[in-house]
C-alpha atoms as a PDB file:
ATOM      1  CA  MET A   1      32.924 -31.578  -1.893  1.00  0.00           C
ATOM      2  CA  LYS A   2      30.091 -29.871  -3.797  1.00  0.00           C
ATOM      3  CA  ASP A   3      31.677 -26.464  -3.178  1.00  0.00           C
ATOM      4  CA  GLN A   4      34.941 -27.595  -4.766  1.00  0.00           C
ATOM      5  CA  LYS A   5      33.160 -28.836  -7.898  1.00  0.00           C
ATOM      6  CA  ALA A   6      31.073 -25.672  -8.150  1.00  0.00           C
ATOM      7  CA  ASN A   7      34.134 -23.419  -7.852  1.00  0.00           C
ATOM      8  CA  ALA A   8      36.270 -25.414 -10.265  1.00  0.00           C
ATOM      9  CA  SER A   9      37.047 -23.465 -13.414  1.00  0.00           C
ATOM     10  CA  PRO A  10      37.011 -25.161 -16.834  1.00  0.00           C
ATOM     11  CA  THR A  11      40.785 -24.909 -17.070  1.00  0.00           C
ATOM     12  CA  THR A  12      41.299 -26.890 -13.855  1.00  0.00           C
ATOM     13  CA  ALA A  13      38.785 -29.547 -14.912  1.00  0.00           C
ATOM     14  CA  ARG A  14      40.790 -30.274 -18.093  1.00  0.00           C
ATOM     15  CA  PRO A  15      43.238 -33.192 -17.755  1.00  0.00           C
ATOM     16  CA  SER A  16      46.916 -32.379 -17.906  1.00  0.00           C
ATOM     17  CA  GLY A  17      48.483 -32.313 -21.335  1.00  0.00           C
ATOM     18  CA  THR A  18      45.294 -31.099 -23.042  1.00  0.00           C
ATOM     19  CA  LYS A  19      45.854 -27.381 -22.578  1.00  0.00           C
ATOM     20  CA  ARG A  20      44.320 -25.491 -25.467  1.00  0.00           C
ATOM     21  CA  SER A  21      45.760 -22.401 -26.999  1.00  0.00           C
ATOM     22  CA  GLY A  22      43.934 -19.082 -27.038  1.00  0.00           C
ATOM     23  CA  TYR A  23      42.040 -20.046 -30.191  1.00  0.00           C
ATOM     24  CA  ALA A  24      38.397 -21.028 -29.946  1.00  0.00           C
ATOM     25  CA  LEU A  25      38.823 -24.082 -32.178  1.00  0.00           C
ATOM     26  CA  THR A  26      41.827 -26.225 -32.958  1.00  0.00           C
ATOM     27  CA  THR A  27      42.926 -26.815 -36.547  1.00  0.00           C
ATOM     28  CA  THR A  28      41.674 -30.377 -36.435  1.00  0.00           C
ATOM     29  CA  GLU A  29      38.243 -29.249 -35.246  1.00  0.00           C
ATOM     30  CA  ILE A  30      38.050 -26.638 -38.001  1.00  0.00           C
ATOM     31  CA  VAL A  31      38.951 -29.181 -40.696  1.00  0.00           C
ATOM     32  CA  ALA A  32      36.432 -31.693 -39.346  1.00  0.00           C
ATOM     33  CA  GLN A  33      33.651 -29.100 -39.147  1.00  0.00           C
ATOM     34  CA  ALA A  34      34.421 -27.780 -42.624  1.00  0.00           C
ATOM     35  CA  ALA A  35      34.385 -31.288 -44.099  1.00  0.00           C
ATOM     36  CA  PHE A  36      31.106 -32.142 -42.382  1.00  0.00           C
ATOM     37  CA  THR A  37      29.473 -28.886 -43.461  1.00  0.00           C
ATOM     38  CA  LEU A  38      30.695 -29.351 -47.003  1.00  0.00           C
ATOM     39  CA  VAL A  39      29.309 -32.869 -47.217  1.00  0.00           C
ATOM     40  CA  VAL A  40      25.928 -31.783 -45.822  1.00  0.00           C
ATOM     41  CA  VAL A  41      25.655 -28.860 -48.244  1.00  0.00           C
ATOM     42  CA  LEU A  42      26.712 -30.969 -51.208  1.00  0.00           C
ATOM     43  CA  ARG A  43      24.254 -33.735 -50.343  1.00  0.00           C
ATOM     44  CA  LEU A  44      21.455 -31.189 -50.552  1.00  0.00           C
ATOM     45  CA  TRP A  45      22.684 -29.858 -53.875  1.00  0.00           C
ATOM     46  CA  LYS A  46      21.733 -31.595 -57.120  1.00  0.00           C
ATOM     47  CA  GLY A  47      25.234 -31.611 -58.621  1.00  0.00           C
ATOM     48  CA  TRP A  48      26.634 -34.068 -56.074  1.00  0.00           C
ATOM     49  CA  ASP A  49      28.640 -36.196 -58.509  1.00  0.00           C
ATOM     50  CA  VAL A  50      30.341 -33.252 -60.270  1.00  0.00           C
ATOM     51  CA  THR A  51      31.123 -31.424 -57.051  1.00  0.00           C
ATOM     52  CA  LEU A  52      32.429 -34.594 -55.479  1.00  0.00           C
ATOM     53  CA  ARG A  53      35.208 -34.650 -58.055  1.00  0.00           C
ATOM     54  CA  VAL A  54      36.215 -31.152 -57.003  1.00  0.00           C
ATOM     55  CA  VAL A  55      35.840 -31.558 -53.243  1.00  0.00           C
ATOM     56  CA  MET A  56      37.294 -35.034 -52.749  1.00  0.00           C
ATOM     57  CA  PRO A  57      40.918 -33.986 -53.377  1.00  0.00           C
ATOM     58  CA  PHE A  58      40.605 -31.364 -50.638  1.00  0.00           C
ATOM     59  CA  LEU A  59      39.069 -33.838 -48.203  1.00  0.00           C
ATOM     60  CA  ALA A  60      41.661 -36.480 -49.081  1.00  0.00           C
ATOM     61  CA  THR A  61      44.458 -33.962 -48.497  1.00  0.00           C
ATOM     62  CA  ALA A  62      42.990 -32.976 -45.137  1.00  0.00           C
ATOM     63  CA  ILE A  63      42.784 -36.631 -44.076  1.00  0.00           C
ATOM     64  CA  TYR A  64      46.294 -37.291 -45.404  1.00  0.00           C
ATOM     65  CA  LEU A  65      47.689 -34.414 -43.311  1.00  0.00           C
ATOM     66  CA  ILE A  66      45.979 -35.318 -40.024  1.00  0.00           C
ATOM     67  CA  PRO A  67      49.306 -36.337 -38.382  1.00  0.00           C
ATOM     68  CA  THR A  68      50.762 -32.967 -39.386  1.00  0.00           C
ATOM     69  CA  PHE A  69      47.780 -31.151 -37.878  1.00  0.00           C
ATOM     70  CA  PHE A  70      48.203 -33.085 -34.630  1.00  0.00           C
ATOM     71  CA  ALA A  71      51.945 -32.351 -34.507  1.00  0.00           C
ATOM     72  CA  PHE A  72      51.395 -28.616 -34.919  1.00  0.00           C
ATOM     73  CA  GLU A  73      48.454 -28.465 -32.478  1.00  0.00           C
ATOM     74  CA  ARG A  74      50.614 -29.868 -29.734  1.00  0.00           C
ATOM     75  CA  PRO A  75      53.944 -28.191 -28.987  1.00  0.00           C
ATOM     76  CA  HIS A  76      55.668 -31.265 -30.401  1.00  0.00           C
ATOM     77  CA  PRO A  77      59.476 -30.975 -30.341  1.00  0.00           C
ATOM     78  CA  ARG A  78      59.898 -33.102 -33.512  1.00  0.00           C
ATOM     79  CA  ARG A  79      57.081 -31.669 -35.601  1.00  0.00           C
ATOM     80  CA  LEU A  80      59.282 -31.248 -38.661  1.00  0.00           C
ATOM     81  CA  ALA A  81      60.169 -34.939 -38.556  1.00  0.00           C
ATOM     82  CA  VAL A  82      56.470 -35.774 -38.371  1.00  0.00           C
ATOM     83  CA  VAL A  83      55.803 -33.537 -41.382  1.00  0.00           C
ATOM     84  CA  ALA A  84      58.659 -35.117 -43.356  1.00  0.00           C
ATOM     85  CA  VAL A  85      57.506 -38.681 -42.658  1.00  0.00           C
ATOM     86  CA  ASN A  86      53.893 -37.746 -43.352  1.00  0.00           C
ATOM     87  CA  ILE A  87      54.604 -36.083 -46.696  1.00  0.00           C
ATOM     88  CA  LEU A  88      57.327 -38.424 -47.953  1.00  0.00           C
ATOM     89  CA  LEU A  89      56.059 -41.786 -46.668  1.00  0.00           C
ATOM     90  CA  GLY A  90      52.436 -41.066 -45.835  1.00  0.00           C
ATOM     91  CA  TRP A  91      51.251 -42.488 -49.164  1.00  0.00           C
ATOM     92  CA  THR A  92      51.980 -45.913 -47.704  1.00  0.00           C
ATOM     93  CA  LEU A  93      49.741 -46.996 -44.883  1.00  0.00           C
ATOM     94  CA  ILE A  94      52.752 -47.823 -42.709  1.00  0.00           C
ATOM     95  CA  GLY A  95      54.272 -44.364 -43.265  1.00  0.00           C
ATOM     96  CA  TRP A  96      50.987 -42.639 -42.433  1.00  0.00           C
ATOM     97  CA  LEU A  97      50.503 -44.712 -39.276  1.00  0.00           C
ATOM     98  CA  THR A  98      54.127 -44.064 -38.274  1.00  0.00           C
ATOM     99  CA  SER A  99      53.715 -40.312 -38.641  1.00  0.00           C
ATOM    100  CA  LEU A 100      50.436 -40.480 -36.695  1.00  0.00           C
ATOM    101  CA  ALA A 101      52.143 -42.447 -33.914  1.00  0.00           C
ATOM    102  CA  MET A 102      55.013 -39.940 -33.869  1.00  0.00           C
ATOM    103  CA  ALA A 103      52.573 -37.029 -33.618  1.00  0.00           C
ATOM    104  CA  LEU A 104      50.536 -38.616 -30.823  1.00  0.00           C
ATOM    105  CA  LYS A 105      53.503 -39.933 -28.844  1.00  0.00           C
ATOM    106  CA  PRO A 106      53.616 -38.434 -25.343  1.00  0.00           C
ATOM    107  CA  MET A 107      56.271 -35.789 -25.024  1.00  0.00           C
ATOM    108  CA  GLU A 108      59.196 -36.689 -22.811  1.00  0.00           C
ATOM    109  CA  THR A 109      59.799 -34.648 -19.702  1.00  0.00           C
ATOM    110  CA  ARG A 110      62.875 -34.892 -17.548  1.00  0.00           C
ATOM    111  CA  ALA A 111      62.296 -35.589 -13.876  1.00  0.00           C
ATOM    112  CA  ASP A 112      65.714 -34.275 -12.883  1.00  0.00           C
ATOM    113  CA  PRO A 113      67.604 -31.354 -14.385  1.00  0.00           C
ATOM    114  CA  LEU A 114      70.765 -31.924 -16.358  1.00  0.00           C
ATOM    115  CA  PRO A 115      73.930 -32.234 -14.258  1.00  0.00           C
ATOM    116  CA  PRO A 116      76.331 -29.282 -14.355  1.00  0.00           C
ATOM    117  CA  PRO A 117      79.024 -29.506 -17.051  1.00  0.00           C
ATOM    118  CA  MET A 118      82.360 -30.974 -16.127  1.00  0.00           C
ATOM    119  CA  ALA A 119      85.146 -28.431 -15.725  1.00  0.00           C
END
């Protein structure tokens, strides 16, 4: 049992459905790290209140577009629908939650192939 765990590669230890692309970081991770770094740097700087007025729209936009980021990170078949709901109805809490639910919904897979067409 120990030999199997020692020989297991990181790709086999990852649960199914969480396959990462060839990039080192996902878009969501980059946005989160950039926001955190920005807040830390701005907290250390004296002009916090003035800079906050400049930075907050960018942070708010990044938070607003989280469902879109999730839809494009995953190979979601209806990503354009998620983007449309997020941009058009995301300003309401219900629209934003709907687009988030659409983006995080498990993708459907068919257990059996389609039957042959009728002649």
